[in-house]
N, C-alpha and C. Protein backbone atom coordinates (compact mmCIF):
# COMPACT_ATOMS: atom_id res chain seq x y z
N MET A 1 88.51 94.42 83.51
CA MET A 1 89.68 95.92 83.44
C MET A 1 91.15 95.00 83.91
N SER A 2 92.18 95.47 83.56
CA SER A 2 93.25 94.74 83.60
C SER A 2 93.99 95.43 84.71
N HIS A 3 94.99 94.76 85.53
CA HIS A 3 95.86 95.35 86.48
C HIS A 3 96.41 96.44 86.11
N ASP A 4 97.08 97.00 84.99
CA ASP A 4 97.32 97.97 84.28
C ASP A 4 96.82 98.90 84.35
N THR A 5 95.82 98.63 83.61
CA THR A 5 94.64 99.94 83.59
C THR A 5 93.91 100.47 84.78
N LYS A 6 93.87 99.58 85.70
CA LYS A 6 93.07 99.89 87.21
C LYS A 6 93.84 100.76 88.05
N LEU A 7 95.28 100.50 87.56
CA LEU A 7 96.31 101.48 88.55
C LEU A 7 96.72 102.46 87.74
N ALA A 8 96.28 102.64 86.57
CA ALA A 8 96.67 103.88 85.80
C ALA A 8 95.36 105.18 86.01
N LYS A 9 93.84 104.26 86.10
CA LYS A 9 93.14 105.06 86.93
C LYS A 9 93.11 105.65 88.19
N GLU A 10 93.93 104.72 89.10
CA GLU A 10 94.27 105.31 90.33
C GLU A 10 94.88 106.32 89.93
N LEU A 11 96.18 105.96 89.64
CA LEU A 11 97.08 107.43 89.44
C LEU A 11 96.64 108.37 88.79
N PHE A 12 95.53 108.38 88.04
CA PHE A 12 95.46 109.22 87.41
C PHE A 12 94.36 110.27 88.19
N ALA A 13 94.05 109.26 89.45
CA ALA A 13 93.11 110.00 90.28
C ALA A 13 93.80 110.69 91.35
N VAL A 14 95.09 110.19 91.16
CA VAL A 14 95.92 111.33 92.48
C VAL A 14 96.76 112.36 92.05
N GLY A 15 96.47 112.51 90.57
CA GLY A 15 97.34 113.56 89.81
C GLY A 15 98.68 113.19 89.43
N ALA A 16 98.93 111.86 89.24
CA ALA A 16 100.17 111.19 88.97
C ALA A 16 100.76 111.85 87.84
N HIS A 17 99.86 112.13 86.78
CA HIS A 17 100.37 112.24 85.48
C HIS A 17 100.62 113.62 85.34
N PHE A 18 100.50 114.76 86.17
CA PHE A 18 101.16 115.93 86.10
C PHE A 18 102.65 116.44 85.91
N GLY A 19 103.46 116.83 85.11
CA GLY A 19 104.65 116.90 85.12
C GLY A 19 104.91 118.38 85.33
N TYR A 20 106.48 118.79 85.30
CA TYR A 20 106.60 120.10 85.09
C TYR A 20 105.97 120.98 83.85
N SER A 21 106.39 122.45 83.85
CA SER A 21 106.44 123.05 82.40
C SER A 21 107.38 122.63 81.28
N ARG A 22 106.97 122.56 80.54
CA ARG A 22 108.07 122.13 79.23
C ARG A 22 109.44 122.67 79.50
N THR A 23 109.65 123.99 79.71
CA THR A 23 110.72 124.46 80.05
C THR A 23 111.97 123.63 80.78
N ARG A 24 111.10 123.20 81.86
CA ARG A 24 112.08 122.63 82.90
C ARG A 24 112.25 120.88 82.29
N ARG A 25 111.66 120.43 81.41
CA ARG A 25 111.85 118.84 81.02
C ARG A 25 113.24 118.61 80.77
N HIS A 26 113.43 117.34 81.32
CA HIS A 26 114.95 116.75 81.23
C HIS A 26 114.61 115.82 80.02
N PRO A 27 115.55 115.69 78.86
CA PRO A 27 115.55 114.88 77.64
C PRO A 27 115.08 113.81 77.78
N SER A 28 115.39 113.03 79.10
CA SER A 28 115.31 111.89 79.45
C SER A 28 113.70 111.07 79.40
N THR A 29 113.24 112.24 79.95
CA THR A 29 111.91 112.05 80.09
C THR A 29 110.29 112.20 79.12
N ALA A 30 111.12 112.78 77.82
CA ALA A 30 110.40 112.81 76.68
C ALA A 30 109.39 111.76 76.12
N LYS A 31 109.88 110.82 76.29
CA LYS A 31 109.59 109.52 75.37
C LYS A 31 108.22 109.17 76.51
N HIS A 32 108.12 109.73 77.69
CA HIS A 32 106.98 109.34 79.03
C HIS A 32 106.29 110.27 78.93
N ILE A 33 106.50 111.14 77.79
CA ILE A 33 105.64 112.41 78.16
C ILE A 33 104.30 112.20 76.76
N PHE A 34 102.55 112.30 77.66
CA PHE A 34 101.88 112.31 76.93
C PHE A 34 101.52 113.34 75.89
N ALA A 35 101.39 114.84 76.07
CA ALA A 35 101.09 115.57 75.65
C ALA A 35 101.68 117.02 76.51
N THR A 36 101.29 118.02 76.20
CA THR A 36 101.74 119.22 76.80
C THR A 36 100.41 120.13 76.35
N LYS A 37 100.01 120.60 77.76
CA LYS A 37 98.77 121.62 77.97
C LYS A 37 99.08 122.66 78.81
N ASN A 38 98.95 123.72 77.94
CA ASN A 38 99.04 125.41 78.76
C ASN A 38 100.43 125.28 79.45
N LYS A 39 101.61 124.64 78.32
CA LYS A 39 102.98 124.46 78.61
C LYS A 39 103.55 123.69 79.73
N VAL A 40 102.54 122.94 79.89
CA VAL A 40 102.74 121.70 81.26
C VAL A 40 102.73 120.73 80.42
N ASP A 41 103.97 119.75 81.20
CA ASP A 41 104.01 118.35 80.54
C ASP A 41 102.81 117.67 80.93
N ILE A 42 102.30 116.59 80.33
CA ILE A 42 101.38 115.70 80.88
C ILE A 42 102.00 114.36 80.63
N ILE A 43 102.43 113.53 81.79
CA ILE A 43 102.91 112.36 81.61
C ILE A 43 102.13 111.22 81.17
N ASP A 44 102.59 110.05 80.14
CA ASP A 44 101.69 108.79 79.85
C ASP A 44 101.48 108.07 81.16
N ILE A 45 100.62 108.21 81.89
CA ILE A 45 99.84 107.52 82.58
C ILE A 45 99.90 105.66 82.84
N GLU A 46 99.93 105.76 81.65
CA GLU A 46 100.04 104.10 80.97
C GLU A 46 101.48 103.71 81.30
N GLN A 47 102.19 104.23 80.77
CA GLN A 47 103.31 103.85 81.10
C GLN A 47 104.13 104.21 82.66
N THR A 48 103.47 105.03 83.17
CA THR A 48 103.56 104.92 84.80
C THR A 48 103.34 103.64 85.55
N ALA A 49 102.01 103.63 85.29
CA ALA A 49 101.53 102.36 85.55
C ALA A 49 102.22 100.93 85.45
N THR A 50 102.88 100.90 83.96
CA THR A 50 103.76 99.81 83.90
C THR A 50 105.27 99.95 84.63
N GLN A 51 105.84 100.77 84.63
CA GLN A 51 106.74 101.11 85.35
C GLN A 51 106.58 100.73 87.07
N LEU A 52 105.51 101.29 87.54
CA LEU A 52 105.15 100.71 88.97
C LEU A 52 105.07 99.32 89.00
N ALA A 53 104.39 98.75 88.02
CA ALA A 53 104.25 97.27 88.33
C ALA A 53 105.57 96.52 88.59
N THR A 54 106.00 97.21 87.07
CA THR A 54 107.65 96.44 87.39
C THR A 54 108.64 96.65 88.57
N ALA A 55 108.59 97.71 88.98
CA ALA A 55 109.29 98.20 90.41
C ALA A 55 108.31 97.32 91.56
N CYS A 56 107.26 96.97 91.56
CA CYS A 56 106.84 96.30 92.68
C CYS A 56 106.97 94.81 92.27
N GLU A 57 106.98 94.51 91.18
CA GLU A 57 107.81 93.11 90.85
C GLU A 57 109.15 92.81 91.41
N TYR A 58 109.66 93.86 91.56
CA TYR A 58 111.10 93.83 91.79
C TYR A 58 111.39 94.01 93.27
N LEU A 59 110.30 94.52 94.10
CA LEU A 59 109.91 94.84 95.44
C LEU A 59 109.68 93.68 96.20
N THR A 60 108.82 92.81 95.11
CA THR A 60 108.10 91.49 95.70
C THR A 60 109.21 90.62 95.99
N THR A 61 110.46 90.54 95.10
CA THR A 61 111.42 89.87 95.06
C THR A 61 112.63 90.07 96.09
N LEU A 62 112.54 91.39 96.39
CA LEU A 62 113.35 91.78 97.62
C LEU A 62 112.97 91.38 98.74
N GLY A 63 111.12 91.46 99.21
CA GLY A 63 110.42 91.18 100.38
C GLY A 63 110.87 89.71 100.58
N GLN A 64 110.65 88.55 99.36
CA GLN A 64 110.84 87.58 99.53
C GLN A 64 112.13 86.75 100.51
N LYS A 65 113.15 87.85 100.02
CA LYS A 65 114.56 87.55 100.49
C LYS A 65 114.57 88.15 101.50
N ALA A 66 113.72 88.90 102.33
CA ALA A 66 113.82 89.83 103.16
C ALA A 66 115.37 91.09 103.13
N LYS A 67 115.55 91.49 102.20
CA LYS A 67 116.51 92.32 101.90
C LYS A 67 116.29 93.87 102.35
N VAL A 68 117.26 94.58 102.30
CA VAL A 68 117.24 95.62 102.96
C VAL A 68 116.95 96.76 101.92
N VAL A 69 116.21 97.52 102.10
CA VAL A 69 115.47 98.79 101.37
C VAL A 69 115.54 99.97 102.27
N MET A 70 116.62 100.86 101.46
CA MET A 70 116.48 102.35 102.15
C MET A 70 115.72 103.20 101.58
N PHE A 71 114.86 104.18 102.21
CA PHE A 71 114.22 105.04 101.56
C PHE A 71 114.67 106.36 101.72
N VAL A 72 114.77 107.04 100.84
CA VAL A 72 115.42 108.60 100.78
C VAL A 72 113.93 109.36 100.32
N GLY A 73 113.78 110.53 100.72
CA GLY A 73 112.72 111.67 100.46
C GLY A 73 112.89 112.63 101.47
N SER A 74 113.62 113.76 101.29
CA SER A 74 113.78 114.73 102.16
C SER A 74 113.02 115.83 102.18
N LYS A 75 112.04 116.23 100.77
CA LYS A 75 111.42 117.28 100.51
C LYS A 75 110.37 117.43 100.84
N PRO A 76 109.58 118.42 101.41
CA PRO A 76 108.46 118.57 102.63
C PRO A 76 107.17 117.66 101.94
N GLU A 77 107.26 117.67 100.73
CA GLU A 77 106.02 116.90 100.48
C GLU A 77 106.17 115.40 100.28
N ALA A 78 107.27 114.71 100.43
CA ALA A 78 107.66 113.39 100.46
C ALA A 78 108.09 112.70 101.83
N LYS A 79 108.40 113.87 102.75
CA LYS A 79 108.92 113.58 104.22
C LYS A 79 108.13 112.48 105.07
N ASP A 80 106.87 113.11 105.16
CA ASP A 80 106.10 112.39 105.97
C ASP A 80 105.67 110.99 105.58
N ALA A 81 105.59 110.80 104.07
CA ALA A 81 105.06 109.40 103.37
C ALA A 81 106.17 108.49 103.59
N THR A 82 107.51 108.91 103.37
CA THR A 82 109.13 108.32 103.47
C THR A 82 108.79 107.68 104.87
N ASN A 83 108.46 108.39 105.81
CA ASN A 83 108.91 108.05 107.32
C ASN A 83 108.05 107.11 107.36
N LEU A 84 106.87 107.24 106.63
CA LEU A 84 105.67 106.27 107.59
C LEU A 84 105.96 104.82 106.97
N GLN A 85 106.12 104.73 105.50
CA GLN A 85 106.50 103.58 104.95
C GLN A 85 107.66 102.83 105.38
N ALA A 86 108.74 103.40 105.91
CA ALA A 86 109.88 102.80 105.91
C ALA A 86 109.88 102.21 107.17
N GLU A 87 109.18 103.10 108.25
CA GLU A 87 109.08 102.63 109.44
C GLU A 87 108.18 101.40 109.91
N SER A 88 106.96 101.29 108.86
CA SER A 88 106.13 100.28 108.95
C SER A 88 106.75 99.01 108.11
N LEU A 89 108.03 99.10 107.62
CA LEU A 89 108.51 97.87 106.85
C LEU A 89 109.62 97.63 108.06
N ASP A 90 110.17 98.44 109.24
CA ASP A 90 111.34 98.61 109.73
C ASP A 90 112.43 98.83 108.87
N MET A 91 112.57 99.69 107.74
CA MET A 91 113.53 100.21 107.19
C MET A 91 114.55 100.94 107.21
N PRO A 92 115.69 101.55 107.02
CA PRO A 92 116.55 102.42 107.05
C PRO A 92 115.67 103.77 106.05
N TYR A 93 115.99 105.05 106.68
CA TYR A 93 115.41 105.97 105.87
C TYR A 93 116.50 107.26 106.10
N ALA A 94 116.23 107.98 105.23
CA ALA A 94 116.72 109.63 105.29
C ALA A 94 116.12 110.64 104.97
N THR A 95 115.23 111.24 105.72
CA THR A 95 114.08 112.14 105.46
C THR A 95 114.60 113.82 105.82
N THR A 96 115.50 113.90 106.60
CA THR A 96 116.32 115.07 107.02
C THR A 96 116.65 116.02 105.74
N ARG A 97 117.99 115.40 105.76
CA ARG A 97 118.77 115.58 104.20
C ARG A 97 119.87 114.41 104.35
N TRP A 98 120.34 114.43 103.01
CA TRP A 98 121.33 113.08 102.63
C TRP A 98 122.99 113.65 103.13
N VAL A 99 123.23 113.17 104.14
CA VAL A 99 124.80 113.35 104.99
C VAL A 99 125.38 112.27 103.86
N GLY A 100 126.47 113.31 103.29
CA GLY A 100 127.70 112.68 102.29
C GLY A 100 128.55 111.79 102.90
N GLY A 101 128.51 110.84 102.33
CA GLY A 101 129.12 109.09 102.79
C GLY A 101 128.39 108.21 103.54
N MET A 102 126.83 108.78 103.44
CA MET A 102 126.20 107.69 104.02
C MET A 102 126.38 106.42 103.98
N LEU A 103 126.85 105.99 102.68
CA LEU A 103 126.96 104.51 101.81
C LEU A 103 128.19 104.34 101.64
N THR A 104 128.90 105.26 101.08
CA THR A 104 130.26 105.57 100.67
C THR A 104 131.01 105.55 101.76
N ASN A 105 130.87 106.11 102.81
CA ASN A 105 132.16 106.11 103.82
C ASN A 105 130.97 105.42 105.33
N PHE A 106 130.61 104.06 104.92
CA PHE A 106 129.61 103.75 105.88
C PHE A 106 129.99 103.82 107.32
N PRO A 107 131.59 103.01 107.16
CA PRO A 107 131.95 102.95 108.70
C PRO A 107 131.91 104.16 109.70
N GLU A 108 132.63 105.27 109.22
CA GLU A 108 132.32 106.58 109.55
C GLU A 108 131.14 106.72 110.17
N ILE A 109 129.78 106.84 109.42
CA ILE A 109 128.69 106.99 109.86
C ILE A 109 128.31 105.87 111.03
N LYS A 110 128.57 104.53 110.89
CA LYS A 110 128.42 103.84 111.95
C LYS A 110 128.96 103.89 113.18
N LYS A 111 130.06 104.73 113.02
CA LYS A 111 130.23 105.50 114.48
C LYS A 111 129.81 106.42 115.46
N ARG A 112 129.21 106.91 114.62
CA ARG A 112 128.45 108.48 114.77
C ARG A 112 126.98 107.80 114.93
N VAL A 113 126.40 106.76 114.59
CA VAL A 113 125.48 105.85 115.01
C VAL A 113 125.60 105.34 116.55
N ALA A 114 126.87 104.79 116.55
CA ALA A 114 126.67 103.97 117.78
C ALA A 114 126.93 105.23 118.68
N ARG A 115 127.67 106.46 118.49
CA ARG A 115 127.77 107.30 119.58
C ARG A 115 126.41 108.14 120.10
N LEU A 116 125.61 107.82 118.83
CA LEU A 116 123.66 108.20 119.45
C LEU A 116 123.26 107.13 119.84
N GLU A 117 123.80 106.18 119.87
CA GLU A 117 122.98 104.76 120.40
C GLU A 117 123.29 104.86 122.29
N GLU A 118 124.63 105.27 122.16
CA GLU A 118 125.58 105.58 123.44
C GLU A 118 124.84 106.46 124.37
N LEU A 119 124.75 107.58 123.71
CA LEU A 119 123.89 108.74 124.24
C LEU A 119 122.79 108.49 124.73
N ARG A 120 122.05 107.72 124.17
CA ARG A 120 120.50 107.58 124.39
C ARG A 120 120.48 106.63 125.42
N ALA A 121 121.48 105.63 125.44
CA ALA A 121 121.10 104.63 126.73
C ALA A 121 121.38 105.20 127.94
N ALA A 122 122.87 106.27 127.73
CA ALA A 122 123.15 107.03 128.83
C ALA A 122 122.12 107.84 129.47
N LYS A 123 121.16 108.75 128.48
CA LYS A 123 120.02 109.32 128.88
C LYS A 123 119.06 108.71 129.72
N ILE A 124 118.49 107.24 129.07
CA ILE A 124 117.67 106.33 129.96
C ILE A 124 118.41 106.12 131.02
N SER A 125 119.25 105.55 131.44
CA SER A 125 120.13 105.13 132.80
C SER A 125 120.22 106.02 133.49
N GLY A 126 120.01 107.11 133.40
CA GLY A 126 120.29 108.31 134.15
C GLY A 126 121.78 108.66 134.75
N GLU A 127 122.61 108.03 133.69
CA GLU A 127 124.02 108.02 133.71
C GLU A 127 124.81 109.40 133.37
N LEU A 128 123.76 110.30 132.41
CA LEU A 128 124.39 111.75 132.02
C LEU A 128 123.87 112.65 133.11
N GLN A 129 123.04 112.13 133.97
CA GLN A 129 122.80 113.15 135.03
C GLN A 129 123.46 113.13 135.91
N LYS A 130 124.14 111.78 136.10
CA LYS A 130 125.23 112.10 137.21
C LYS A 130 126.26 112.04 136.83
N LYS A 131 127.08 111.80 135.67
CA LYS A 131 128.54 112.52 135.39
C LYS A 131 128.24 113.65 134.82
N TYR A 132 127.74 114.48 134.63
CA TYR A 132 127.60 115.70 134.07
C TYR A 132 127.00 116.98 134.66
N THR A 133 127.65 118.14 134.32
CA THR A 133 127.09 119.36 134.92
C THR A 133 125.65 119.69 134.09
N LYS A 134 124.70 120.62 134.43
CA LYS A 134 123.64 120.91 133.91
C LYS A 134 124.26 121.54 132.41
N LYS A 135 125.15 122.39 132.59
CA LYS A 135 125.38 123.13 131.08
C LYS A 135 126.27 122.21 130.33
N GLU A 136 126.71 120.95 131.00
CA GLU A 136 127.10 119.52 129.87
C GLU A 136 126.11 118.81 129.37
N GLN A 137 125.39 118.85 130.36
CA GLN A 137 124.04 118.02 129.90
C GLN A 137 123.13 118.70 128.57
N LEU A 138 122.97 119.96 128.58
CA LEU A 138 122.59 120.92 127.49
C LEU A 138 123.17 120.67 126.41
N LEU A 139 124.74 120.75 126.89
CA LEU A 139 125.54 120.51 125.03
C LEU A 139 125.04 119.11 124.68
N ILE A 140 125.00 118.38 125.60
CA ILE A 140 125.13 116.86 124.93
C ILE A 140 123.67 116.71 124.57
N ALA A 141 122.63 117.36 125.11
CA ALA A 141 121.20 116.96 124.75
C ALA A 141 120.88 117.46 123.05
N ARG A 142 121.74 119.10 122.95
CA ARG A 142 121.93 119.53 121.63
C ARG A 142 122.65 118.63 120.65
N GLU A 143 123.68 117.95 121.17
CA GLU A 143 123.98 117.14 120.25
C GLU A 143 123.30 116.13 119.97
N VAL A 144 122.64 115.43 120.79
CA VAL A 144 121.63 114.36 120.76
C VAL A 144 120.65 114.78 119.63
N ALA A 145 120.48 115.62 119.52
CA ALA A 145 118.95 116.20 118.85
C ALA A 145 119.53 116.63 117.50
N LYS A 146 120.29 116.68 117.16
CA LYS A 146 121.01 117.32 116.05
C LYS A 146 121.34 115.60 115.27
N MET A 147 121.62 114.76 115.98
CA MET A 147 122.07 113.43 115.68
C MET A 147 120.95 112.38 115.17
N GLU A 148 120.19 112.84 115.94
CA GLU A 148 118.74 112.25 115.95
C GLU A 148 118.13 112.68 114.88
N SER A 149 118.07 113.93 114.20
CA SER A 149 117.65 114.56 112.98
C SER A 149 118.18 113.73 112.17
N LEU A 150 119.74 113.54 111.72
CA LEU A 150 120.25 113.05 111.07
C LEU A 150 120.45 111.60 110.75
N PHE A 151 120.42 111.05 111.91
CA PHE A 151 120.95 109.49 112.16
C PHE A 151 119.64 108.36 112.30
N SER A 152 118.55 109.11 113.24
CA SER A 152 117.88 108.27 113.81
C SER A 152 116.99 107.20 112.62
N GLY A 153 117.20 107.61 111.66
CA GLY A 153 116.53 106.43 110.58
C GLY A 153 117.56 105.56 109.72
N VAL A 154 118.86 105.70 110.33
CA VAL A 154 119.77 104.90 109.80
C VAL A 154 120.31 103.89 110.95
N VAL A 155 119.63 103.67 112.03
CA VAL A 155 120.14 103.17 113.34
C VAL A 155 120.08 101.67 112.65
N SER A 156 119.27 101.46 112.52
CA SER A 156 118.68 99.82 111.76
C SER A 156 119.75 99.23 110.80
N LEU A 157 120.62 100.46 110.02
CA LEU A 157 121.48 99.75 108.79
C LEU A 157 122.76 99.38 109.47
N LYS A 158 123.02 98.14 109.30
CA LYS A 158 124.43 97.29 109.22
C LYS A 158 125.20 97.04 108.38
N GLY A 159 124.58 97.51 106.99
CA GLY A 159 125.40 97.45 106.06
C GLY A 159 125.01 97.88 104.84
N LEU A 160 125.32 97.83 103.73
CA LEU A 160 124.91 98.53 102.48
C LEU A 160 123.84 97.86 102.28
N PRO A 161 122.48 98.64 101.82
CA PRO A 161 121.23 98.16 101.50
C PRO A 161 121.42 97.40 100.20
N GLU A 162 120.14 96.50 99.66
CA GLU A 162 120.32 95.88 98.64
C GLU A 162 119.67 96.91 97.52
N ALA A 163 119.01 97.81 97.86
CA ALA A 163 118.15 98.81 96.95
C ALA A 163 117.60 99.93 97.98
N MET A 164 117.61 101.44 96.93
CA MET A 164 117.32 102.71 97.50
C MET A 164 116.15 102.86 96.80
N LEU A 165 115.32 103.46 97.49
CA LEU A 165 113.77 104.02 96.83
C LEU A 165 113.87 105.19 97.26
N VAL A 166 113.72 106.16 96.23
CA VAL A 166 113.97 107.76 96.36
C VAL A 166 112.81 108.55 95.65
N ILE A 167 112.65 109.53 96.43
CA ILE A 167 111.56 110.18 95.89
C ILE A 167 112.30 111.42 95.15
N ASP A 168 112.35 111.63 94.35
CA ASP A 168 112.75 112.92 93.47
C ASP A 168 114.37 112.92 93.10
N PRO A 169 114.97 111.84 92.49
CA PRO A 169 116.41 111.76 92.14
C PRO A 169 117.09 112.81 91.90
N ARG A 170 116.36 114.10 90.98
CA ARG A 170 117.06 115.52 91.21
C ARG A 170 117.27 115.91 92.58
N LYS A 171 116.57 116.07 93.41
CA LYS A 171 116.77 116.70 94.78
C LYS A 171 117.71 115.44 95.36
N GLU A 172 117.40 114.37 95.33
CA GLU A 172 118.31 113.42 95.83
C GLU A 172 119.63 112.78 95.22
N ALA A 173 120.37 113.72 94.23
CA ALA A 173 120.93 113.39 93.38
C ALA A 173 122.65 112.81 94.40
N ASN A 174 122.98 113.17 95.45
CA ASN A 174 123.89 112.85 95.94
C ASN A 174 123.54 111.34 96.68
N ALA A 175 122.44 110.83 97.13
CA ALA A 175 122.23 109.67 97.59
C ALA A 175 122.19 108.82 96.44
N VAL A 176 121.64 109.36 95.16
CA VAL A 176 121.67 108.40 93.74
C VAL A 176 122.96 108.03 93.39
N LEU A 177 123.98 109.05 93.58
CA LEU A 177 125.26 109.13 92.74
C LEU A 177 126.16 107.88 94.01
N GLU A 178 125.91 107.70 95.11
CA GLU A 178 126.36 107.09 96.20
C GLU A 178 125.77 105.49 95.49
N ALA A 179 124.43 105.42 95.53
CA ALA A 179 124.26 104.36 95.51
C ALA A 179 124.59 103.77 93.93
N LYS A 180 124.47 104.43 93.46
CA LYS A 180 125.23 103.97 91.84
C LYS A 180 126.65 103.55 92.26
N ARG A 181 127.26 104.34 92.48
CA ARG A 181 128.94 103.87 92.98
C ARG A 181 129.02 102.55 93.47
N LEU A 182 128.22 102.52 94.05
CA LEU A 182 128.32 101.14 95.27
C LEU A 182 127.62 99.41 94.47
N GLY A 183 126.81 100.11 93.47
CA GLY A 183 125.96 99.16 93.01
C GLY A 183 124.72 98.57 93.45
N VAL A 184 124.28 99.79 94.50
CA VAL A 184 122.86 99.44 95.19
C VAL A 184 121.84 99.77 93.92
N LYS A 185 120.62 99.00 93.84
CA LYS A 185 119.99 99.20 92.73
C LYS A 185 118.93 100.79 93.33
N VAL A 186 118.22 100.98 92.22
CA VAL A 186 117.52 102.44 92.43
C VAL A 186 116.59 102.24 92.02
N ILE A 187 115.63 103.23 92.96
CA ILE A 187 114.12 102.93 92.25
C ILE A 187 113.16 104.45 92.69
N ALA A 188 112.94 104.78 92.10
CA ALA A 188 112.74 106.19 91.66
C ALA A 188 111.48 106.68 91.36
N LEU A 189 111.03 107.42 91.87
CA LEU A 189 109.50 108.12 91.56
C LEU A 189 110.43 109.78 91.12
N ALA A 190 110.06 110.04 89.69
CA ALA A 190 110.93 110.71 89.06
C ALA A 190 110.02 111.85 88.05
N ASN A 191 110.06 112.80 88.23
CA ASN A 191 108.90 114.07 87.71
C ASN A 191 109.62 114.24 86.53
N THR A 192 109.42 115.06 85.65
CA THR A 192 109.81 115.32 84.04
C THR A 192 110.79 116.20 84.24
N ASP A 193 111.22 116.31 85.02
CA ASP A 193 112.80 117.54 85.23
C ASP A 193 113.89 116.54 85.74
N CYS A 194 114.00 115.22 85.92
CA CYS A 194 114.93 114.60 86.20
C CYS A 194 115.13 113.33 85.02
N ASP A 195 116.78 113.06 85.26
CA ASP A 195 117.37 112.40 84.39
C ASP A 195 117.23 111.00 85.17
N VAL A 196 116.31 109.89 84.37
CA VAL A 196 116.04 108.66 84.62
C VAL A 196 117.00 107.98 84.34
N THR A 197 118.14 108.43 83.44
CA THR A 197 119.07 107.26 82.67
C THR A 197 119.74 106.75 83.36
N GLY A 198 120.34 106.53 84.42
CA GLY A 198 120.77 106.02 85.22
C GLY A 198 120.02 105.25 86.69
N ILE A 199 118.78 105.30 86.39
CA ILE A 199 117.93 104.64 87.01
C ILE A 199 117.29 103.23 86.97
N ASP A 200 117.42 102.49 87.68
CA ASP A 200 117.22 101.00 87.36
C ASP A 200 116.01 100.70 87.26
N TYR A 201 115.06 101.34 88.28
CA TYR A 201 113.84 101.04 88.07
C TYR A 201 112.88 102.47 88.19
N PRO A 202 112.72 103.24 86.93
CA PRO A 202 112.39 104.61 87.02
C PRO A 202 110.48 104.61 87.01
N ILE A 203 110.36 105.51 88.06
CA ILE A 203 108.58 105.59 87.71
C ILE A 203 108.31 107.08 87.53
N VAL A 204 108.13 107.45 86.12
CA VAL A 204 107.76 108.79 86.04
C VAL A 204 106.51 109.55 86.24
N ALA A 205 106.66 110.31 87.22
CA ALA A 205 104.99 110.66 87.88
C ALA A 205 105.64 111.62 89.01
N ASN A 206 104.22 112.62 89.04
CA ASN A 206 104.24 113.78 89.99
C ASN A 206 104.79 113.32 91.19
N ASP A 207 106.34 114.27 91.25
CA ASP A 207 106.73 113.86 92.39
C ASP A 207 106.70 115.39 93.74
N ALA A 208 105.44 116.14 93.18
CA ALA A 208 105.74 117.44 93.52
C ALA A 208 104.23 117.26 94.13
N SER A 209 103.29 116.58 94.59
CA SER A 209 102.21 116.11 95.09
C SER A 209 101.80 115.19 96.11
N ARG A 210 101.70 115.64 97.23
CA ARG A 210 102.04 114.58 98.70
C ARG A 210 100.83 113.30 98.40
N ALA A 211 99.72 113.78 97.47
CA ALA A 211 98.56 112.71 97.34
C ALA A 211 99.39 111.46 96.25
N SER A 212 100.17 112.28 94.95
CA SER A 212 100.95 111.12 94.04
C SER A 212 101.95 110.80 94.95
N ILE A 213 102.77 111.20 95.52
CA ILE A 213 103.64 110.39 96.38
C ILE A 213 103.38 109.24 97.26
N GLU A 214 102.36 109.70 98.05
CA GLU A 214 101.73 108.89 98.95
C GLU A 214 101.29 107.45 98.62
N PHE A 215 100.39 107.66 97.29
CA PHE A 215 99.89 106.48 96.71
C PHE A 215 100.95 105.60 96.45
N ILE A 216 102.04 106.17 95.52
CA ILE A 216 103.42 105.31 94.88
C ILE A 216 103.89 104.61 95.74
N ILE A 217 104.40 105.15 96.85
CA ILE A 217 105.56 104.69 97.67
C ILE A 217 104.69 103.96 98.60
N LYS A 218 103.40 104.02 98.97
CA LYS A 218 102.42 102.95 99.65
C LYS A 218 102.30 101.59 98.52
N HIS A 219 101.94 101.93 97.93
CA HIS A 219 101.99 100.90 96.73
C HIS A 219 103.43 100.21 96.58
N LEU A 220 104.44 100.32 96.27
CA LEU A 220 105.90 99.94 96.16
C LEU A 220 105.80 99.14 97.72
N ALA A 221 105.79 99.89 99.07
CA ALA A 221 106.07 99.42 100.10
C ALA A 221 104.94 98.19 100.57
N ASP A 222 103.70 97.99 100.22
CA ASP A 222 102.72 97.41 99.93
C ASP A 222 103.33 96.05 99.34
N ALA A 223 104.02 96.06 98.07
CA ALA A 223 104.53 95.04 97.15
C ALA A 223 105.40 94.19 97.97
N TYR A 224 106.44 95.00 98.46
CA TYR A 224 107.45 94.49 99.52
C TYR A 224 106.66 93.64 100.91
N ARG A 225 105.99 94.52 101.45
CA ARG A 225 105.20 94.00 102.67
C ARG A 225 104.40 92.38 102.15
N SER A 226 104.21 92.45 101.28
CA SER A 226 103.07 91.31 101.05
C SER A 226 103.78 90.02 100.76
N ALA A 227 105.05 90.13 100.08
CA ALA A 227 105.81 89.02 99.54
C ALA A 227 106.60 88.22 100.90
N HIS A 228 106.94 89.29 101.92
CA HIS A 228 107.56 89.44 103.29
C HIS A 228 106.73 88.47 104.36
N VAL A 229 105.63 89.05 104.01
CA VAL A 229 104.65 88.59 105.39
C VAL A 229 104.54 87.13 104.79
N ALA A 230 104.25 86.70 103.42
CA ALA A 230 103.94 85.73 102.87
C ALA A 230 104.74 84.84 103.23
């Protein structure tokens, strides 16, 4: 059994072949559709396996060079898997929501991250308790909670990433737009409702199922990890 055939079977097992209804189909995904059953598009899983293998090859080259890959996936089905794989590689991630300018206005984002790190340090050292009243501490705690939610995943980001790994480029359209504007390569798990024309490494597959997302994002992270470790 060839590697792509084995991969296709594994993708089939996690339901990666289920697209959306034909009425939601984006024209750019038409060539990746195998059939339509009960008005639901069935994705050509062999094409998906080839696309995933190609994206893995690219991530292997990034792993060999220890390049930074930013993970983006804020939809409920994608959040946990995105967090898990990004943190396992010590990579930056955005899983709450994409903050406008995260890449295109990076100096400003850096200032906000620096503020978060400053407040974290002050809390640990006990400085907050010494300098501020209880009411002020409460307001600062709220500020920290909001900043943690938005920026905790990008504390390690010191400059533009080499690539961005996106779950559902339709949902994360602003992130993709910023990446494309700055020449950051985009790898994307995209269902049949997504425009894949501008994606460097599209993987047309089910992006609405936890099992499909978890399998694909782990496969991609493993490709980076194996090369980086080696």
